[in-house]
Amino acid sequence: MYNYGMKIPNRRVRFDYILEPDRYEAGVSLTGGEAKAIRTGHADISQSVARIVDAEAYLINANVPVSGATKYDSKRTRKLLLHRDEIVSIGVKMKQRKLTLVPLKVYTKGRFVKFELALGRPKRKFEKKEAIKQKDIRRELEREFKVK
């Protein structure tokens, strides 16, 4: 039914955050040049986060460069389009459990641009090192079994 054309994942988020299982789909308010840039795959959401301010959700620090634009801030704050009850429930979870709302991927759904969001707790440095060790051990085991 829908054409899921362009998909831009945020690979960095799984390394930097411990994610909750809940996922949220949000539309975003864009200009024409930004929408075109996302459809062609020119967006970077690896350093971006979402915040809730005055019962409205905003995407902060997402880099969407528009080609041919002068005097344009590619990392401007963009408004996320969510239902009011979703915003309230996300805000309560963020305050109670000290979580951060992070984008997982950007994709097109028909003619609309959507963000998949999740709540996550930032990993500490030792947790990141432990994850790298576990991944290396898993990779070595797979390599040994593959040789046999």
C-alpha atoms as a PDB file:
ATOM      1  CA  MET A   1       0.000   0.000   0.000  1.00  0.00           C
ATOM      2  CA  TYR A   2       2.695   2.502   1.025  1.00  0.00           C
ATOM      3  CA  ASN A   3       5.921   3.041  -0.852  1.00  0.00           C
ATOM      4  CA  TYR A   4       8.744   2.766   1.694  1.00  0.00           C
ATOM      5  CA  GLY A   5      11.388   4.234  -0.584  1.00  0.00           C
ATOM      6  CA  MET A   6      14.264   5.943   1.180  1.00  0.00           C
ATOM      7  CA  LYS A   7      15.476   4.659   4.550  1.00  0.00           C
ATOM      8  CA  ILE A   8      18.323   6.343   6.447  1.00  0.00           C
ATOM      9  CA  PRO A   9      19.291   4.412   9.610  1.00  0.00           C
ATOM     10  CA  ASN A  10      21.038   5.807  12.675  1.00  0.00           C
ATOM     11  CA  ARG A  11      23.657   3.152  13.363  1.00  0.00           C
ATOM     12  CA  ARG A  12      25.330   5.146  16.111  1.00  0.00           C
ATOM     13  CA  VAL A  13      22.301   5.101  18.436  1.00  0.00           C
ATOM     14  CA  ARG A  14      22.596   1.393  19.335  1.00  0.00           C
ATOM     15  CA  PHE A  15      26.189   1.963  20.423  1.00  0.00           C
ATOM     16  CA  ASP A  16      25.464   5.108  22.463  1.00  0.00           C
ATOM     17  CA  TYR A  17      22.129   4.153  24.095  1.00  0.00           C
ATOM     18  CA  ILE A  18      20.380   1.249  25.795  1.00  0.00           C
ATOM     19  CA  LEU A  19      17.024   1.370  24.006  1.00  0.00           C
ATOM     20  CA  GLU A  20      13.542   0.678  25.342  1.00  0.00           C
ATOM     21  CA  PRO A  21      11.372  -1.676  23.243  1.00  0.00           C
ATOM     22  CA  ASP A  22       8.727   0.997  22.493  1.00  0.00           C
ATOM     23  CA  ARG A  23       8.942   2.676  19.065  1.00  0.00           C
ATOM     24  CA  TYR A  24       7.187   5.837  17.941  1.00  0.00           C
ATOM     25  CA  GLU A  25       6.520   7.042  14.399  1.00  0.00           C
ATOM     26  CA  ALA A  26       6.576  10.810  13.979  1.00  0.00           C
ATOM     27  CA  GLY A  27       6.134  13.087  11.010  1.00  0.00           C
ATOM     28  CA  VAL A  28       8.358  16.123  10.709  1.00  0.00           C
ATOM     29  CA  SER A  29       7.867  19.684   9.534  1.00  0.00           C
ATOM     30  CA  LEU A  30      10.317  20.311   6.663  1.00  0.00           C
ATOM     31  CA  THR A  31      10.922  22.823   3.914  1.00  0.00           C
ATOM     32  CA  GLY A  32      10.819  21.681   0.288  1.00  0.00           C
ATOM     33  CA  GLY A  33      14.586  21.507  -0.109  1.00  0.00           C
ATOM     34  CA  GLU A  34      14.932  19.467   3.087  1.00  0.00           C
ATOM     35  CA  ALA A  35      12.312  16.957   1.940  1.00  0.00           C
ATOM     36  CA  LYS A  36      14.126  16.570  -1.373  1.00  0.00           C
ATOM     37  CA  ALA A  37      17.462  16.085   0.405  1.00  0.00           C
ATOM     38  CA  ILE A  38      16.014  13.341   2.623  1.00  0.00           C
ATOM     39  CA  ARG A  39      14.399  11.582  -0.346  1.00  0.00           C
ATOM     40  CA  THR A  40      17.780  11.465  -2.080  1.00  0.00           C
ATOM     41  CA  GLY A  41      19.444  10.109   1.086  1.00  0.00           C
ATOM     42  CA  HIS A  42      21.339  13.233   2.160  1.00  0.00           C
ATOM     43  CA  ALA A  43      20.655  13.396   5.893  1.00  0.00           C
ATOM     44  CA  ASP A  44      22.672  12.660   9.015  1.00  0.00           C
ATOM     45  CA  ILE A  45      20.814  11.899  12.241  1.00  0.00           C
ATOM     46  CA  SER A  46      23.687  10.271  14.138  1.00  0.00           C
ATOM     47  CA  GLN A  47      24.155  13.221  16.527  1.00  0.00           C
ATOM     48  CA  SER A  48      20.499  14.214  16.835  1.00  0.00           C
ATOM     49  CA  VAL A  49      18.085  13.921  19.759  1.00  0.00           C
ATOM     50  CA  ALA A  50      14.463  14.853  20.315  1.00  0.00           C
ATOM     51  CA  ARG A  51      13.209  17.043  23.149  1.00  0.00           C
ATOM     52  CA  ILE A  52       9.751  17.866  24.449  1.00  0.00           C
ATOM     53  CA  VAL A  53       9.258  21.572  25.163  1.00  0.00           C
ATOM     54  CA  ASP A  54       5.866  23.048  26.122  1.00  0.00           C
ATOM     55  CA  ALA A  55       3.941  19.915  25.038  1.00  0.00           C
ATOM     56  CA  GLU A  56       5.582  19.927  21.587  1.00  0.00           C
ATOM     57  CA  ALA A  57       8.307  17.605  20.299  1.00  0.00           C
ATOM     58  CA  TYR A  58      11.360  18.964  18.482  1.00  0.00           C
ATOM     59  CA  LEU A  59      14.215  17.268  16.640  1.00  0.00           C
ATOM     60  CA  ILE A  60      17.513  18.895  17.534  1.00  0.00           C
ATOM     61  CA  ASN A  61      20.842  18.739  15.674  1.00  0.00           C
ATOM     62  CA  ALA A  62      19.711  16.653  12.674  1.00  0.00           C
ATOM     63  CA  ASN A  63      21.914  17.568   9.714  1.00  0.00           C
ATOM     64  CA  VAL A  64      19.875  17.889   6.486  1.00  0.00           C
ATOM     65  CA  PRO A  65      22.007  19.793   3.950  1.00  0.00           C
ATOM     66  CA  VAL A  66      20.065  21.489   1.162  1.00  0.00           C
ATOM     67  CA  SER A  67      22.036  21.716  -2.070  1.00  0.00           C
ATOM     68  CA  GLY A  68      22.283  25.156  -3.631  1.00  0.00           C
ATOM     69  CA  ALA A  69      20.961  27.015  -0.576  1.00  0.00           C
ATOM     70  CA  THR A  70      22.805  30.018   0.783  1.00  0.00           C
ATOM     71  CA  LYS A  71      22.382  31.299   4.332  1.00  0.00           C
ATOM     72  CA  TYR A  72      20.804  28.033   5.408  1.00  0.00           C
ATOM     73  CA  ASP A  73      21.249  26.323   8.787  1.00  0.00           C
ATOM     74  CA  SER A  74      21.347  22.585   8.027  1.00  0.00           C
ATOM     75  CA  LYS A  75      21.179  21.686  11.752  1.00  0.00           C
ATOM     76  CA  ARG A  76      18.153  23.782  12.615  1.00  0.00           C
ATOM     77  CA  THR A  77      15.530  22.568  15.102  1.00  0.00           C
ATOM     78  CA  ARG A  78      12.570  20.869  13.391  1.00  0.00           C
ATOM     79  CA  LYS A  79       9.137  20.207  14.843  1.00  0.00           C
ATOM     80  CA  LEU A  80       8.066  16.572  15.181  1.00  0.00           C
ATOM     81  CA  LEU A  81       4.428  15.758  14.530  1.00  0.00           C
ATOM     82  CA  LEU A  82       3.035  13.427  17.191  1.00  0.00           C
ATOM     83  CA  HIS A  83      -0.376  13.006  18.802  1.00  0.00           C
ATOM     84  CA  ARG A  84      -0.861  14.922  22.042  1.00  0.00           C
ATOM     85  CA  ASP A  85      -1.326  11.760  24.139  1.00  0.00           C
ATOM     86  CA  GLU A  86       1.887  10.285  22.696  1.00  0.00           C
ATOM     87  CA  ILE A  87       3.801  13.440  23.608  1.00  0.00           C
ATOM     88  CA  VAL A  88       2.424  13.364  27.161  1.00  0.00           C
ATOM     89  CA  SER A  89       3.244   9.668  27.659  1.00  0.00           C
ATOM     90  CA  ILE A  90       6.765  10.097  26.229  1.00  0.00           C
ATOM     91  CA  GLY A  91       7.348  13.147  28.425  1.00  0.00           C
ATOM     92  CA  VAL A  92       6.267  11.295  31.563  1.00  0.00           C
ATOM     93  CA  LYS A  93       8.531   8.324  30.761  1.00  0.00           C
ATOM     94  CA  MET A  94      11.456  10.641  30.028  1.00  0.00           C
ATOM     95  CA  LYS A  95      11.107  12.434  33.379  1.00  0.00           C
ATOM     96  CA  GLN A  96      10.404   9.366  35.511  1.00  0.00           C
ATOM     97  CA  ARG A  97      13.168   7.118  34.162  1.00  0.00           C
ATOM     98  CA  LYS A  98      15.627   9.802  32.982  1.00  0.00           C
ATOM     99  CA  LEU A  99      15.514   8.656  29.351  1.00  0.00           C
ATOM    100  CA  THR A 100      16.373  10.419  26.097  1.00  0.00           C
ATOM    101  CA  LEU A 101      14.254  10.380  22.945  1.00  0.00           C
ATOM    102  CA  VAL A 102      16.480   9.465  19.973  1.00  0.00           C
ATOM    103  CA  PRO A 103      15.751   8.924  16.262  1.00  0.00           C
ATOM    104  CA  LEU A 104      16.450   5.418  14.956  1.00  0.00           C
ATOM    105  CA  LYS A 105      15.812   6.016  11.264  1.00  0.00           C
ATOM    106  CA  VAL A 106      14.304   8.365   8.710  1.00  0.00           C
ATOM    107  CA  TYR A 107      12.139   6.927   5.960  1.00  0.00           C
ATOM    108  CA  THR A 108       9.508   7.926   3.442  1.00  0.00           C
ATOM    109  CA  LYS A 109       5.998   6.565   3.708  1.00  0.00           C
ATOM    110  CA  GLY A 110       4.274   7.442   0.494  1.00  0.00           C
ATOM    111  CA  ARG A 111       4.943  11.134   0.058  1.00  0.00           C
ATOM    112  CA  PHE A 112       5.537  11.765   3.760  1.00  0.00           C
ATOM    113  CA  VAL A 113       8.857  11.782   5.616  1.00  0.00           C
ATOM    114  CA  LYS A 114       8.723   9.913   8.923  1.00  0.00           C
ATOM    115  CA  PHE A 115      11.108   9.423  11.845  1.00  0.00           C
ATOM    116  CA  GLU A 116      11.187   6.295  13.978  1.00  0.00           C
ATOM    117  CA  LEU A 117      11.925   7.307  17.565  1.00  0.00           C
ATOM    118  CA  ALA A 118      12.756   5.338  20.695  1.00  0.00           C
ATOM    119  CA  LEU A 119      13.477   6.101  24.316  1.00  0.00           C
ATOM    120  CA  GLY A 120      16.943   5.206  25.523  1.00  0.00           C
ATOM    121  CA  ARG A 121      19.318   5.610  28.409  1.00  0.00           C
ATOM    122  CA  PRO A 122      22.812   6.831  27.485  1.00  0.00           C
ATOM    123  CA  LYS A 123      25.507   4.203  27.969  1.00  0.00           C
ATOM    124  CA  ARG A 124      28.470   4.979  30.134  1.00  0.00           C
ATOM    125  CA  LYS A 125      32.012   4.575  28.847  1.00  0.00           C
ATOM    126  CA  PHE A 126      32.602   1.226  30.570  1.00  0.00           C
ATOM    127  CA  GLU A 127      29.330  -0.134  29.119  1.00  0.00           C
ATOM    128  CA  LYS A 128      30.489   0.784  25.624  1.00  0.00           C
ATOM    129  CA  LYS A 129      33.843  -0.946  26.188  1.00  0.00           C
ATOM    130  CA  GLU A 130      32.050  -4.058  27.474  1.00  0.00           C
ATOM    131  CA  ALA A 131      29.817  -4.127  24.376  1.00  0.00           C
ATOM    132  CA  ILE A 132      32.887  -3.961  22.119  1.00  0.00           C
ATOM    133  CA  LYS A 133      34.527  -6.845  24.042  1.00  0.00           C
ATOM    134  CA  GLN A 134      31.387  -8.984  23.737  1.00  0.00           C
ATOM    135  CA  LYS A 135      31.169  -8.300  20.010  1.00  0.00           C
ATOM    136  CA  ASP A 136      34.840  -9.259  19.506  1.00  0.00           C
ATOM    137  CA  ILE A 137      34.376 -12.506  21.446  1.00  0.00           C
ATOM    138  CA  ARG A 138      31.266 -13.368  19.420  1.00  0.00           C
ATOM    139  CA  ARG A 139      33.091 -12.627  16.160  1.00  0.00           C
ATOM    140  CA  GLU A 140      36.052 -14.853  17.130  1.00  0.00           C
ATOM    141  CA  LEU A 141      33.738 -17.734  18.074  1.00  0.00           C
ATOM    142  CA  GLU A 142      31.893 -17.464  14.765  1.00  0.00           C
ATOM    143  CA  ARG A 143      35.205 -17.451  12.911  1.00  0.00           C
ATOM    144  CA  GLU A 144      36.358 -20.613  14.752  1.00  0.00           C
ATOM    145  CA  PHE A 145      33.107 -22.461  13.991  1.00  0.00           C
ATOM    146  CA  LYS A 146      33.253 -21.368  10.366  1.00  0.00           C
ATOM    147  CA  VAL A 147      36.763 -22.837   9.949  1.00  0.00           C
ATOM    148  CA  LYS A 148      35.748 -26.249  11.317  1.00  0.00           C
END
